[in-house]
Amino acid sequence: MAKAIYGLKVFMFRSQFNLTAKETKALRLFNLFVTLVYTEAWFRSSQVLEAPLNDLNFFKKIRSFGDIHRETSRVAAKAMERHTWYLGEELVPLAFFDARVPSETKREMAAAVEKEVEGQAPKRP
């Protein structure tokens, strides 16, 4: 987050620096990604019960960032996919305690858990 704040400061005071057009464009793109995609995920990361929905929303935001800059979206998604090793069926029950998850979705989740076949390896994203 320190780099994100530093990037925002540099962009705000860019007239006081000798930035090239390429550097200004890259800094603008970086700051767009930080403000539109990363900041909310960073602030919500300590909320354990909200983790499943937060992760899902974060991936959705990364994907939607492709409308602004496809390559940044692709690289960010690839980087985050390397950090999905901990996601699995074991964490799904946390979503039952997240007030932001609609009751209908929780009912569908409960029905899916009831249908789970014994002996199958947990599914990974």
C-alpha atoms as a PDB file:
ATOM      1  CA  MET A   1       0.000   0.000   0.000  1.00  0.00           C
ATOM      2  CA  ALA A   2       2.943   2.316   0.599  1.00  0.00           C
ATOM      3  CA  LYS A   3       3.895   2.077  -3.085  1.00  0.00           C
ATOM      4  CA  ALA A   4       0.298   2.809  -4.048  1.00  0.00           C
ATOM      5  CA  ILE A   5       0.231   5.950  -1.918  1.00  0.00           C
ATOM      6  CA  TYR A   6       3.626   6.988  -3.240  1.00  0.00           C
ATOM      7  CA  GLY A   7       2.389   6.493  -6.822  1.00  0.00           C
ATOM      8  CA  LEU A   8      -0.639   8.671  -6.158  1.00  0.00           C
ATOM      9  CA  LYS A   9       1.540  11.406  -4.659  1.00  0.00           C
ATOM     10  CA  VAL A  10       3.949  11.374  -7.583  1.00  0.00           C
ATOM     11  CA  PHE A  11       1.035  11.623 -10.000  1.00  0.00           C
ATOM     12  CA  MET A  12      -0.545  14.517  -8.106  1.00  0.00           C
ATOM     13  CA  PHE A  13       2.729  16.439  -8.157  1.00  0.00           C
ATOM     14  CA  ARG A  14       3.872  15.251 -11.599  1.00  0.00           C
ATOM     15  CA  SER A  15       4.344  18.828 -12.768  1.00  0.00           C
ATOM     16  CA  GLN A  16       7.214  19.121 -10.279  1.00  0.00           C
ATOM     17  CA  PHE A  17       9.010  16.098 -11.768  1.00  0.00           C
ATOM     18  CA  ASN A  18      10.626  15.608 -15.143  1.00  0.00           C
ATOM     19  CA  LEU A  19       8.484  12.649 -16.196  1.00  0.00           C
ATOM     20  CA  THR A  20       8.441  11.449 -19.769  1.00  0.00           C
ATOM     21  CA  ALA A  21       5.129  10.882 -21.534  1.00  0.00           C
ATOM     22  CA  LYS A  22       5.674   7.122 -21.185  1.00  0.00           C
ATOM     23  CA  GLU A  23       6.286   7.429 -17.424  1.00  0.00           C
ATOM     24  CA  THR A  24       3.205   9.632 -16.992  1.00  0.00           C
ATOM     25  CA  LYS A  25       1.056   7.155 -18.910  1.00  0.00           C
ATOM     26  CA  ALA A  26       2.362   4.210 -16.871  1.00  0.00           C
ATOM     27  CA  LEU A  27       1.843   6.090 -13.610  1.00  0.00           C
ATOM     28  CA  ARG A  28      -1.721   6.971 -14.630  1.00  0.00           C
ATOM     29  CA  LEU A  29      -2.426   3.316 -15.422  1.00  0.00           C
ATOM     30  CA  PHE A  30      -0.889   2.189 -12.123  1.00  0.00           C
ATOM     31  CA  ASN A  31      -3.013   4.656 -10.169  1.00  0.00           C
ATOM     32  CA  LEU A  32      -6.170   3.634 -12.012  1.00  0.00           C
ATOM     33  CA  PHE A  33      -5.522   0.009 -11.110  1.00  0.00           C
ATOM     34  CA  VAL A  34      -4.809   0.868  -7.483  1.00  0.00           C
ATOM     35  CA  THR A  35      -7.909   3.013  -7.044  1.00  0.00           C
ATOM     36  CA  LEU A  36     -10.383   0.951  -9.084  1.00  0.00           C
ATOM     37  CA  VAL A  37      -9.234  -2.571  -8.245  1.00  0.00           C
ATOM     38  CA  TYR A  38      -6.697  -2.950  -5.454  1.00  0.00           C
ATOM     39  CA  THR A  39      -7.560  -0.554  -2.624  1.00  0.00           C
ATOM     40  CA  GLU A  40     -10.875  -2.079  -1.560  1.00  0.00           C
ATOM     41  CA  ALA A  41      -9.422  -5.591  -1.624  1.00  0.00           C
ATOM     42  CA  TRP A  42      -6.477  -4.471   0.488  1.00  0.00           C
ATOM     43  CA  PHE A  43      -8.662  -2.803   3.116  1.00  0.00           C
ATOM     44  CA  ARG A  44     -11.051  -5.775   3.292  1.00  0.00           C
ATOM     45  CA  SER A  45      -8.320  -8.420   3.422  1.00  0.00           C
ATOM     46  CA  SER A  46      -8.404  -8.643   7.227  1.00  0.00           C
ATOM     47  CA  GLN A  47     -12.100  -9.591   7.279  1.00  0.00           C
ATOM     48  CA  VAL A  48     -11.910 -13.377   7.497  1.00  0.00           C
ATOM     49  CA  LEU A  49     -15.624 -14.099   7.207  1.00  0.00           C
ATOM     50  CA  GLU A  50     -15.836 -11.926   4.100  1.00  0.00           C
ATOM     51  CA  ALA A  51     -12.861 -13.569   2.383  1.00  0.00           C
ATOM     52  CA  PRO A  52     -14.726 -15.761  -0.133  1.00  0.00           C
ATOM     53  CA  LEU A  53     -16.847 -12.912  -1.487  1.00  0.00           C
ATOM     54  CA  ASN A  54     -13.951 -10.453  -1.309  1.00  0.00           C
ATOM     55  CA  ASP A  55     -11.755 -12.764  -3.383  1.00  0.00           C
ATOM     56  CA  LEU A  56     -14.517 -13.292  -5.926  1.00  0.00           C
ATOM     57  CA  ASN A  57     -15.165  -9.551  -6.197  1.00  0.00           C
ATOM     58  CA  PHE A  58     -11.442  -8.866  -6.511  1.00  0.00           C
ATOM     59  CA  PHE A  59     -11.122 -11.280  -9.437  1.00  0.00           C
ATOM     60  CA  LYS A  60     -14.186  -9.714 -11.066  1.00  0.00           C
ATOM     61  CA  LYS A  61     -12.650  -6.245 -10.737  1.00  0.00           C
ATOM     62  CA  ILE A  62      -9.373  -7.446 -12.200  1.00  0.00           C
ATOM     63  CA  ARG A  63     -11.252  -8.903 -15.150  1.00  0.00           C
ATOM     64  CA  SER A  64     -13.344  -5.764 -15.659  1.00  0.00           C
ATOM     65  CA  PHE A  65     -10.149  -3.679 -15.640  1.00  0.00           C
ATOM     66  CA  GLY A  66      -9.530  -5.268 -19.032  1.00  0.00           C
ATOM     67  CA  ASP A  67     -11.923  -2.663 -20.454  1.00  0.00           C
ATOM     68  CA  ILE A  68      -9.363  -0.022 -19.467  1.00  0.00           C
ATOM     69  CA  HIS A  69      -6.140  -1.929 -20.148  1.00  0.00           C
ATOM     70  CA  ARG A  70      -6.277  -5.547 -21.284  1.00  0.00           C
ATOM     71  CA  GLU A  71      -2.615  -6.395 -20.643  1.00  0.00           C
ATOM     72  CA  THR A  72      -2.636  -5.099 -17.054  1.00  0.00           C
ATOM     73  CA  SER A  73      -5.784  -7.085 -16.371  1.00  0.00           C
ATOM     74  CA  ARG A  74      -4.262 -10.237 -17.827  1.00  0.00           C
ATOM     75  CA  VAL A  75      -1.015  -9.915 -15.869  1.00  0.00           C
ATOM     76  CA  ALA A  76      -2.835  -9.120 -12.606  1.00  0.00           C
ATOM     77  CA  ALA A  77      -5.170 -12.095 -13.032  1.00  0.00           C
ATOM     78  CA  LYS A  78      -2.223 -14.392 -13.739  1.00  0.00           C
ATOM     79  CA  ALA A  79      -0.377 -13.113 -10.658  1.00  0.00           C
ATOM     80  CA  MET A  80      -3.419 -13.564  -8.427  1.00  0.00           C
ATOM     81  CA  GLU A  81      -4.038 -17.081  -9.751  1.00  0.00           C
ATOM     82  CA  ARG A  82      -0.710 -18.061  -8.194  1.00  0.00           C
ATOM     83  CA  HIS A  83      -2.224 -17.121  -4.814  1.00  0.00           C
ATOM     84  CA  THR A  84      -5.365 -19.245  -5.035  1.00  0.00           C
ATOM     85  CA  TRP A  85      -3.805 -22.386  -3.563  1.00  0.00           C
ATOM     86  CA  TYR A  86      -5.733 -21.832  -0.326  1.00  0.00           C
ATOM     87  CA  LEU A  87      -9.123 -21.547  -2.012  1.00  0.00           C
ATOM     88  CA  GLY A  88     -11.235 -24.642  -1.897  1.00  0.00           C
ATOM     89  CA  GLU A  89     -14.388 -26.223  -0.618  1.00  0.00           C
ATOM     90  CA  GLU A  90     -13.154 -25.907   2.970  1.00  0.00           C
ATOM     91  CA  LEU A  91     -13.541 -22.119   2.868  1.00  0.00           C
ATOM     92  CA  VAL A  92     -17.017 -22.024   1.339  1.00  0.00           C
ATOM     93  CA  PRO A  93     -18.737 -22.206   4.753  1.00  0.00           C
ATOM     94  CA  LEU A  94     -17.248 -18.818   5.656  1.00  0.00           C
ATOM     95  CA  ALA A  95     -19.625 -17.265   3.129  1.00  0.00           C
ATOM     96  CA  PHE A  96     -22.578 -18.410   5.255  1.00  0.00           C
ATOM     97  CA  PHE A  97     -21.558 -15.812   7.851  1.00  0.00           C
ATOM     98  CA  ASP A  98     -21.080 -12.920   5.420  1.00  0.00           C
ATOM     99  CA  ALA A  99     -24.038 -10.544   5.681  1.00  0.00           C
ATOM    100  CA  ARG A 100     -23.397  -9.371   2.102  1.00  0.00           C
ATOM    101  CA  VAL A 101     -24.202 -12.796   0.631  1.00  0.00           C
ATOM    102  CA  PRO A 102     -27.928 -12.951  -0.194  1.00  0.00           C
ATOM    103  CA  SER A 103     -30.048 -15.563   1.598  1.00  0.00           C
ATOM    104  CA  GLU A 104     -30.990 -17.186  -1.711  1.00  0.00           C
ATOM    105  CA  THR A 105     -27.317 -17.709  -2.540  1.00  0.00           C
ATOM    106  CA  LYS A 106     -26.755 -19.236   0.895  1.00  0.00           C
ATOM    107  CA  ARG A 107     -29.665 -21.630   0.279  1.00  0.00           C
ATOM    108  CA  GLU A 108     -28.125 -22.667  -3.044  1.00  0.00           C
ATOM    109  CA  MET A 109     -24.771 -23.173  -1.342  1.00  0.00           C
ATOM    110  CA  ALA A 110     -26.366 -25.333   1.357  1.00  0.00           C
ATOM    111  CA  ALA A 111     -28.117 -27.444  -1.277  1.00  0.00           C
ATOM    112  CA  ALA A 112     -24.836 -27.900  -3.149  1.00  0.00           C
ATOM    113  CA  VAL A 113     -23.050 -28.963   0.045  1.00  0.00           C
ATOM    114  CA  GLU A 114     -25.763 -31.550   0.710  1.00  0.00           C
ATOM    115  CA  LYS A 115     -25.268 -33.016  -2.786  1.00  0.00           C
ATOM    116  CA  GLU A 116     -21.507 -33.317  -2.332  1.00  0.00           C
ATOM    117  CA  VAL A 117     -20.224 -36.767  -3.180  1.00  0.00           C
ATOM    118  CA  GLU A 118     -18.112 -38.466  -0.527  1.00  0.00           C
ATOM    119  CA  GLY A 119     -14.612 -39.507  -1.533  1.00  0.00           C
ATOM    120  CA  GLN A 120     -14.077 -36.809  -4.159  1.00  0.00           C
ATOM    121  CA  ALA A 121     -11.011 -34.620  -3.893  1.00  0.00           C
ATOM    122  CA  PRO A 122     -11.789 -30.970  -3.091  1.00  0.00           C
ATOM    123  CA  LYS A 123     -12.259 -28.812  -6.163  1.00  0.00           C
ATOM    124  CA  ARG A 124      -9.716 -26.082  -6.764  1.00  0.00           C
ATOM    125  CA  PRO A 125     -10.256 -22.892  -8.741  1.00  0.00           C
END
